[in-house]
Amino acid sequence: MAPRKIDRVGSKSQTEKKLGVRVEAKRVKSEMGKVREEQECSKDEQRKLITRFDEIAKQCDELKQETEMIEKQSAITRAKLVLMFGILKARESGDLVQAANLTALVKLLPWKKQAPAALESIVPGKTWTRGT
């Protein structure tokens, strides 16, 4: 067999091509590493946000419970004021029986389930619900 002719220009460009591919592969790997790090940071931030949102939701629930308690206390206070006003009006008009009944009802608050019905019988036309 005859020795082959080697095209030095062709083999040099082939080597350069392989070197270019290696350099490009390293660059792509480096970029992939950076992207992976960014994704991990994003996941960490997501976890932190989810935790924070859970805390906020818990605080919101606690505030709702506190608000409901304040509303109940406010309704009871309003009812007491209405009863006290009724006592004053009954005393002014000389109706001491109604004044005594209203005084007894003030002592019942916070109400049992029967109290609103009892109040309705004493002060007709008045609805005894939250917000009145």
N, C-alpha and C. Protein backbone atom coordinates (compact mmCIF):
# COMPACT_ATOMS: atom_id res chain seq x y z
N MET A 1 0.80 -1.15 0.00
CA MET A 1 0.00 0.00 0.00
C MET A 1 0.86 1.23 0.00
N ALA A 2 0.29 2.17 -0.68
CA ALA A 2 1.02 3.44 -0.80
C ALA A 2 0.67 4.32 0.38
N PRO A 3 1.65 5.09 0.81
CA PRO A 3 1.36 5.99 1.93
C PRO A 3 0.31 7.03 1.53
N ARG A 4 -0.50 7.32 2.46
CA ARG A 4 -1.55 8.30 2.21
C ARG A 4 -1.00 9.70 2.34
N LYS A 5 -1.59 10.54 1.57
CA LYS A 5 -1.25 11.95 1.70
C LYS A 5 -2.16 12.54 2.76
N ILE A 6 -1.58 13.24 3.64
CA ILE A 6 -2.36 13.89 4.69
C ILE A 6 -2.48 15.35 4.33
N ASP A 7 -3.71 15.77 4.27
CA ASP A 7 -3.96 17.17 3.98
C ASP A 7 -3.87 17.91 5.31
N ARG A 8 -2.75 18.58 5.51
CA ARG A 8 -2.51 19.26 6.77
C ARG A 8 -3.57 20.34 7.03
N VAL A 9 -4.02 20.99 6.04
CA VAL A 9 -5.03 22.02 6.21
C VAL A 9 -6.33 21.38 6.65
N GLY A 10 -6.69 20.27 6.06
CA GLY A 10 -7.93 19.56 6.41
C GLY A 10 -7.88 19.02 7.81
N SER A 11 -6.74 18.41 8.20
CA SER A 11 -6.66 17.84 9.54
C SER A 11 -6.61 18.94 10.59
N LYS A 12 -6.01 20.07 10.24
CA LYS A 12 -5.93 21.18 11.17
C LYS A 12 -7.34 21.75 11.40
N SER A 13 -8.11 21.88 10.36
CA SER A 13 -9.46 22.40 10.54
C SER A 13 -10.32 21.40 11.30
N GLN A 14 -10.06 20.12 11.11
CA GLN A 14 -10.78 19.09 11.84
C GLN A 14 -10.47 19.20 13.34
N THR A 15 -9.22 19.44 13.68
CA THR A 15 -8.80 19.60 15.08
C THR A 15 -9.42 20.86 15.66
N GLU A 16 -9.42 21.90 14.85
CA GLU A 16 -10.03 23.15 15.31
C GLU A 16 -11.52 22.97 15.54
N LYS A 17 -12.15 22.20 14.69
CA LYS A 17 -13.58 21.94 14.85
C LYS A 17 -13.84 21.20 16.15
N LYS A 18 -13.02 20.17 16.43
CA LYS A 18 -13.19 19.40 17.66
C LYS A 18 -12.94 20.28 18.88
N LEU A 19 -11.93 21.14 18.77
CA LEU A 19 -11.62 22.05 19.87
C LEU A 19 -12.78 23.03 20.08
N GLY A 20 -13.32 23.52 18.98
CA GLY A 20 -14.47 24.44 19.07
C GLY A 20 -15.67 23.77 19.70
N VAL A 21 -15.90 22.50 19.34
CA VAL A 21 -17.02 21.76 19.92
C VAL A 21 -16.79 21.57 21.42
N ARG A 22 -15.57 21.27 21.82
CA ARG A 22 -15.26 21.09 23.24
C ARG A 22 -15.48 22.40 24.01
N VAL A 23 -15.00 23.49 23.42
CA VAL A 23 -15.16 24.79 24.06
C VAL A 23 -16.65 25.12 24.20
N GLU A 24 -17.39 24.87 23.15
CA GLU A 24 -18.84 25.13 23.17
C GLU A 24 -19.53 24.25 24.20
N ALA A 25 -19.11 22.97 24.30
CA ALA A 25 -19.70 22.06 25.28
C ALA A 25 -19.41 22.57 26.70
N LYS A 26 -18.22 23.03 26.96
CA LYS A 26 -17.87 23.55 28.28
C LYS A 26 -18.70 24.79 28.59
N ARG A 27 -18.87 25.65 27.60
CA ARG A 27 -19.66 26.86 27.79
C ARG A 27 -21.12 26.51 28.12
N VAL A 28 -21.66 25.54 27.37
CA VAL A 28 -23.04 25.13 27.60
C VAL A 28 -23.18 24.51 28.99
N LYS A 29 -22.21 23.67 29.39
CA LYS A 29 -22.25 23.08 30.74
C LYS A 29 -22.19 24.16 31.81
N SER A 30 -21.36 25.14 31.58
CA SER A 30 -21.25 26.24 32.52
C SER A 30 -22.57 27.00 32.63
N GLU A 31 -23.18 27.27 31.50
CA GLU A 31 -24.48 27.96 31.49
C GLU A 31 -25.54 27.11 32.16
N MET A 32 -25.52 25.80 31.93
CA MET A 32 -26.48 24.90 32.56
C MET A 32 -26.31 24.92 34.08
N GLY A 33 -25.06 24.98 34.53
CA GLY A 33 -24.80 25.07 35.96
C GLY A 33 -25.38 26.34 36.56
N LYS A 34 -25.21 27.44 35.84
CA LYS A 34 -25.76 28.71 36.31
C LYS A 34 -27.29 28.66 36.36
N VAL A 35 -27.88 28.08 35.32
CA VAL A 35 -29.33 27.96 35.26
C VAL A 35 -29.82 27.08 36.42
N ARG A 36 -29.10 25.99 36.69
CA ARG A 36 -29.47 25.09 37.78
C ARG A 36 -29.43 25.83 39.12
N GLU A 37 -28.38 26.64 39.32
CA GLU A 37 -28.28 27.43 40.55
C GLU A 37 -29.44 28.43 40.67
N GLU A 38 -29.78 29.08 39.55
CA GLU A 38 -30.90 30.01 39.56
C GLU A 38 -32.21 29.31 39.88
N GLN A 39 -32.38 28.09 39.33
CA GLN A 39 -33.59 27.33 39.61
C GLN A 39 -33.67 26.97 41.09
N GLU A 40 -32.55 26.58 41.68
CA GLU A 40 -32.52 26.26 43.11
C GLU A 40 -32.88 27.49 43.94
N CYS A 41 -32.33 28.64 43.55
CA CYS A 41 -32.65 29.89 44.27
C CYS A 41 -34.14 30.19 44.14
N SER A 42 -34.69 29.98 42.95
CA SER A 42 -36.12 30.22 42.73
C SER A 42 -36.96 29.28 43.59
N LYS A 43 -36.56 28.01 43.67
CA LYS A 43 -37.28 27.05 44.49
C LYS A 43 -37.22 27.44 45.96
N ASP A 44 -36.05 27.89 46.43
CA ASP A 44 -35.91 28.33 47.81
C ASP A 44 -36.83 29.52 48.08
N GLU A 45 -36.85 30.46 47.17
CA GLU A 45 -37.71 31.64 47.33
C GLU A 45 -39.18 31.22 47.34
N GLN A 46 -39.54 30.26 46.50
CA GLN A 46 -40.91 29.76 46.46
C GLN A 46 -41.28 29.13 47.80
N ARG A 47 -40.39 28.33 48.35
CA ARG A 47 -40.64 27.70 49.65
C ARG A 47 -40.84 28.76 50.73
N LYS A 48 -39.99 29.79 50.71
CA LYS A 48 -40.10 30.86 51.70
C LYS A 48 -41.44 31.59 51.55
N LEU A 49 -41.84 31.86 50.31
CA LEU A 49 -43.10 32.55 50.07
C LEU A 49 -44.30 31.71 50.52
N ILE A 50 -44.25 30.41 50.24
CA ILE A 50 -45.34 29.53 50.66
C ILE A 50 -45.45 29.53 52.17
N THR A 51 -44.29 29.46 52.85
CA THR A 51 -44.29 29.50 54.31
C THR A 51 -44.86 30.81 54.81
N ARG A 52 -44.47 31.90 54.20
CA ARG A 52 -44.95 33.22 54.60
C ARG A 52 -46.46 33.35 54.37
N PHE A 53 -46.95 32.84 53.23
CA PHE A 53 -48.38 32.89 52.96
C PHE A 53 -49.16 32.05 53.97
N ASP A 54 -48.60 30.91 54.36
CA ASP A 54 -49.25 30.08 55.38
C ASP A 54 -49.33 30.84 56.71
N GLU A 55 -48.26 31.53 57.07
CA GLU A 55 -48.26 32.33 58.30
C GLU A 55 -49.31 33.44 58.22
N ILE A 56 -49.39 34.09 57.08
CA ILE A 56 -50.36 35.18 56.89
C ILE A 56 -51.78 34.62 56.99
N ALA A 57 -52.02 33.46 56.39
CA ALA A 57 -53.35 32.85 56.46
C ALA A 57 -53.70 32.51 57.90
N LYS A 58 -52.74 32.01 58.65
CA LYS A 58 -52.97 31.69 60.07
C LYS A 58 -53.31 32.95 60.85
N GLN A 59 -52.56 34.03 60.61
CA GLN A 59 -52.83 35.30 61.28
C GLN A 59 -54.21 35.83 60.90
N CYS A 60 -54.57 35.65 59.64
CA CYS A 60 -55.89 36.10 59.17
C CYS A 60 -56.99 35.35 59.91
N ASP A 61 -56.83 34.04 60.07
CA ASP A 61 -57.82 33.26 60.80
C ASP A 61 -57.93 33.72 62.25
N GLU A 62 -56.77 33.99 62.88
CA GLU A 62 -56.77 34.47 64.26
C GLU A 62 -57.49 35.81 64.37
N LEU A 63 -57.23 36.70 63.41
CA LEU A 63 -57.89 38.01 63.41
C LEU A 63 -59.40 37.86 63.22
N LYS A 64 -59.81 36.92 62.36
CA LYS A 64 -61.24 36.69 62.16
C LYS A 64 -61.90 36.23 63.46
N GLN A 65 -61.22 35.32 64.18
CA GLN A 65 -61.76 34.84 65.45
C GLN A 65 -61.86 35.98 66.46
N GLU A 66 -60.82 36.80 66.53
CA GLU A 66 -60.85 37.94 67.44
C GLU A 66 -61.96 38.92 67.08
N THR A 67 -62.14 39.15 65.77
CA THR A 67 -63.18 40.05 65.31
C THR A 67 -64.56 39.52 65.68
N GLU A 68 -64.77 38.22 65.50
CA GLU A 68 -66.06 37.62 65.86
C GLU A 68 -66.31 37.78 67.36
N MET A 69 -65.26 37.57 68.17
CA MET A 69 -65.41 37.71 69.61
C MET A 69 -65.78 39.16 69.96
N ILE A 70 -65.12 40.11 69.34
CA ILE A 70 -65.41 41.53 69.58
C ILE A 70 -66.84 41.86 69.15
N GLU A 71 -67.27 41.30 68.00
CA GLU A 71 -68.64 41.53 67.54
C GLU A 71 -69.66 41.00 68.55
N LYS A 72 -69.38 39.81 69.09
CA LYS A 72 -70.29 39.24 70.08
C LYS A 72 -70.34 40.12 71.33
N GLN A 73 -69.16 40.55 71.79
CA GLN A 73 -69.12 41.41 72.96
C GLN A 73 -69.86 42.72 72.70
N SER A 74 -69.67 43.25 71.50
CA SER A 74 -70.33 44.50 71.13
C SER A 74 -71.85 44.32 71.09
N ALA A 75 -72.30 43.19 70.56
CA ALA A 75 -73.75 42.93 70.50
C ALA A 75 -74.31 42.83 71.92
N ILE A 76 -73.59 42.17 72.80
CA ILE A 76 -74.05 42.05 74.19
C ILE A 76 -74.11 43.43 74.84
N THR A 77 -73.07 44.23 74.61
CA THR A 77 -73.04 45.59 75.18
C THR A 77 -74.20 46.42 74.64
N ARG A 78 -74.45 46.32 73.34
CA ARG A 78 -75.56 47.05 72.74
C ARG A 78 -76.89 46.62 73.36
N ALA A 79 -77.04 45.32 73.55
CA ALA A 79 -78.28 44.81 74.14
C ALA A 79 -78.44 45.33 75.57
N LYS A 80 -77.35 45.33 76.31
CA LYS A 80 -77.42 45.86 77.68
C LYS A 80 -77.83 47.32 77.68
N LEU A 81 -77.26 48.09 76.75
CA LEU A 81 -77.61 49.51 76.67
C LEU A 81 -79.08 49.69 76.34
N VAL A 82 -79.58 48.87 75.40
CA VAL A 82 -81.00 48.96 75.04
C VAL A 82 -81.86 48.63 76.25
N LEU A 83 -81.47 47.58 76.98
CA LEU A 83 -82.23 47.21 78.17
C LEU A 83 -82.18 48.32 79.22
N MET A 84 -81.00 48.89 79.42
CA MET A 84 -80.88 49.96 80.41
C MET A 84 -81.73 51.18 80.02
N PHE A 85 -81.73 51.47 78.74
CA PHE A 85 -82.58 52.57 78.26
C PHE A 85 -84.05 52.23 78.50
N GLY A 86 -84.41 50.97 78.27
CA GLY A 86 -85.78 50.53 78.54
C GLY A 86 -86.13 50.65 80.01
N ILE A 87 -85.15 50.33 80.88
CA ILE A 87 -85.36 50.46 82.32
C ILE A 87 -85.63 51.92 82.68
N LEU A 88 -84.83 52.81 82.12
CA LEU A 88 -85.02 54.25 82.39
C LEU A 88 -86.41 54.71 81.93
N LYS A 89 -86.80 54.31 80.72
CA LYS A 89 -88.11 54.71 80.20
C LYS A 89 -89.24 54.14 81.06
N ALA A 90 -89.07 52.87 81.49
CA ALA A 90 -90.11 52.24 82.32
C ALA A 90 -90.22 52.96 83.66
N ARG A 91 -89.09 53.33 84.24
CA ARG A 91 -89.12 54.04 85.53
C ARG A 91 -89.73 55.44 85.37
N GLU A 92 -89.41 56.09 84.24
CA GLU A 92 -89.98 57.42 84.00
C GLU A 92 -91.50 57.35 83.88
N SER A 93 -91.96 56.30 83.22
CA SER A 93 -93.41 56.17 83.04
C SER A 93 -94.09 55.54 84.25
N GLY A 94 -93.31 55.11 85.25
CA GLY A 94 -93.89 54.55 86.47
C GLY A 94 -94.18 53.06 86.37
N ASP A 95 -93.74 52.40 85.31
CA ASP A 95 -93.99 50.96 85.13
C ASP A 95 -92.85 50.19 85.81
N LEU A 96 -92.97 50.01 87.12
CA LEU A 96 -91.90 49.39 87.88
C LEU A 96 -91.78 47.89 87.62
N VAL A 97 -92.87 47.25 87.22
CA VAL A 97 -92.82 45.81 86.90
C VAL A 97 -91.94 45.58 85.66
N GLN A 98 -92.19 46.38 84.62
CA GLN A 98 -91.36 46.23 83.42
C GLN A 98 -89.91 46.60 83.72
N ALA A 99 -89.68 47.62 84.54
CA ALA A 99 -88.32 48.00 84.92
C ALA A 99 -87.64 46.85 85.65
N ALA A 100 -88.37 46.17 86.52
CA ALA A 100 -87.79 45.02 87.25
C ALA A 100 -87.49 43.87 86.30
N ASN A 101 -88.41 43.63 85.36
CA ASN A 101 -88.18 42.55 84.38
C ASN A 101 -86.95 42.85 83.52
N LEU A 102 -86.84 44.07 83.07
CA LEU A 102 -85.69 44.45 82.24
C LEU A 102 -84.39 44.37 83.05
N THR A 103 -84.45 44.76 84.31
CA THR A 103 -83.27 44.67 85.16
C THR A 103 -82.84 43.22 85.31
N ALA A 104 -83.80 42.32 85.45
CA ALA A 104 -83.48 40.89 85.56
C ALA A 104 -82.83 40.38 84.26
N LEU A 105 -83.32 40.88 83.13
CA LEU A 105 -82.75 40.44 81.85
C LEU A 105 -81.32 40.95 81.67
N VAL A 106 -81.03 42.14 82.15
CA VAL A 106 -79.66 42.66 82.04
C VAL A 106 -78.70 41.72 82.74
N LYS A 107 -79.16 41.16 83.86
CA LYS A 107 -78.32 40.24 84.62
C LYS A 107 -78.09 38.92 83.89
N LEU A 108 -78.99 38.58 82.96
CA LEU A 108 -78.86 37.33 82.20
C LEU A 108 -77.76 37.38 81.14
N LEU A 109 -77.39 38.57 80.74
CA LEU A 109 -76.41 38.69 79.65
C LEU A 109 -75.04 38.32 80.17
N PRO A 110 -74.20 37.61 79.44
CA PRO A 110 -74.39 37.10 78.09
C PRO A 110 -75.53 36.07 78.06
N TRP A 111 -76.30 36.15 77.01
CA TRP A 111 -77.55 35.42 76.89
C TRP A 111 -77.36 33.94 76.80
N LYS A 112 -78.43 33.31 77.24
CA LYS A 112 -78.63 31.91 76.93
C LYS A 112 -79.51 31.91 75.67
N LYS A 113 -79.85 30.74 75.18
CA LYS A 113 -80.67 30.69 73.97
C LYS A 113 -82.07 31.25 74.18
N GLN A 114 -82.57 31.21 75.43
CA GLN A 114 -83.93 31.66 75.70
C GLN A 114 -84.01 33.18 75.82
N ALA A 115 -82.95 33.85 76.08
CA ALA A 115 -82.99 35.28 76.37
C ALA A 115 -83.60 36.11 75.24
N PRO A 116 -83.25 35.91 73.96
CA PRO A 116 -83.87 36.74 72.92
C PRO A 116 -85.39 36.61 72.89
N ALA A 117 -85.93 35.42 73.13
CA ALA A 117 -87.38 35.25 73.14
C ALA A 117 -87.99 36.00 74.33
N ALA A 118 -87.32 35.94 75.46
CA ALA A 118 -87.81 36.66 76.64
C ALA A 118 -87.79 38.16 76.40
N LEU A 119 -86.73 38.63 75.76
CA LEU A 119 -86.63 40.05 75.45
C LEU A 119 -87.74 40.48 74.50
N GLU A 120 -88.05 39.63 73.55
CA GLU A 120 -89.10 39.94 72.57
C GLU A 120 -90.44 40.09 73.26
N SER A 121 -90.68 39.28 74.28
CA SER A 121 -91.97 39.37 74.98
C SER A 121 -92.07 40.65 75.80
N ILE A 122 -90.93 41.17 76.26
CA ILE A 122 -90.95 42.37 77.08
C ILE A 122 -90.94 43.63 76.22
N VAL A 123 -90.12 43.61 75.16
CA VAL A 123 -90.03 44.77 74.27
C VAL A 123 -90.49 44.32 72.89
N PRO A 124 -91.79 44.33 72.65
CA PRO A 124 -92.32 43.83 71.37
C PRO A 124 -91.83 44.67 70.19
N GLY A 125 -91.64 43.97 69.07
CA GLY A 125 -91.23 44.66 67.84
C GLY A 125 -89.72 44.83 67.72
N LYS A 126 -89.01 44.57 68.77
CA LYS A 126 -87.55 44.71 68.73
C LYS A 126 -86.96 43.35 68.41
N THR A 127 -86.12 43.29 67.37
CA THR A 127 -85.46 42.03 67.04
C THR A 127 -84.11 41.99 67.72
N TRP A 128 -83.81 40.90 68.34
CA TRP A 128 -82.59 40.75 69.14
C TRP A 128 -81.60 39.86 68.41
N THR A 129 -80.99 40.42 67.40
CA THR A 129 -79.98 39.69 66.64
C THR A 129 -78.72 40.49 66.65
N ARG A 130 -77.65 39.90 66.15
CA ARG A 130 -76.38 40.60 66.09
C ARG A 130 -76.53 41.81 65.20
N GLY A 131 -75.99 42.93 65.67
CA GLY A 131 -76.04 44.15 64.90
C GLY A 131 -77.17 45.08 65.27
N THR A 132 -78.00 44.69 66.25
CA THR A 132 -79.09 45.58 66.68
C THR A 132 -78.76 46.24 67.98
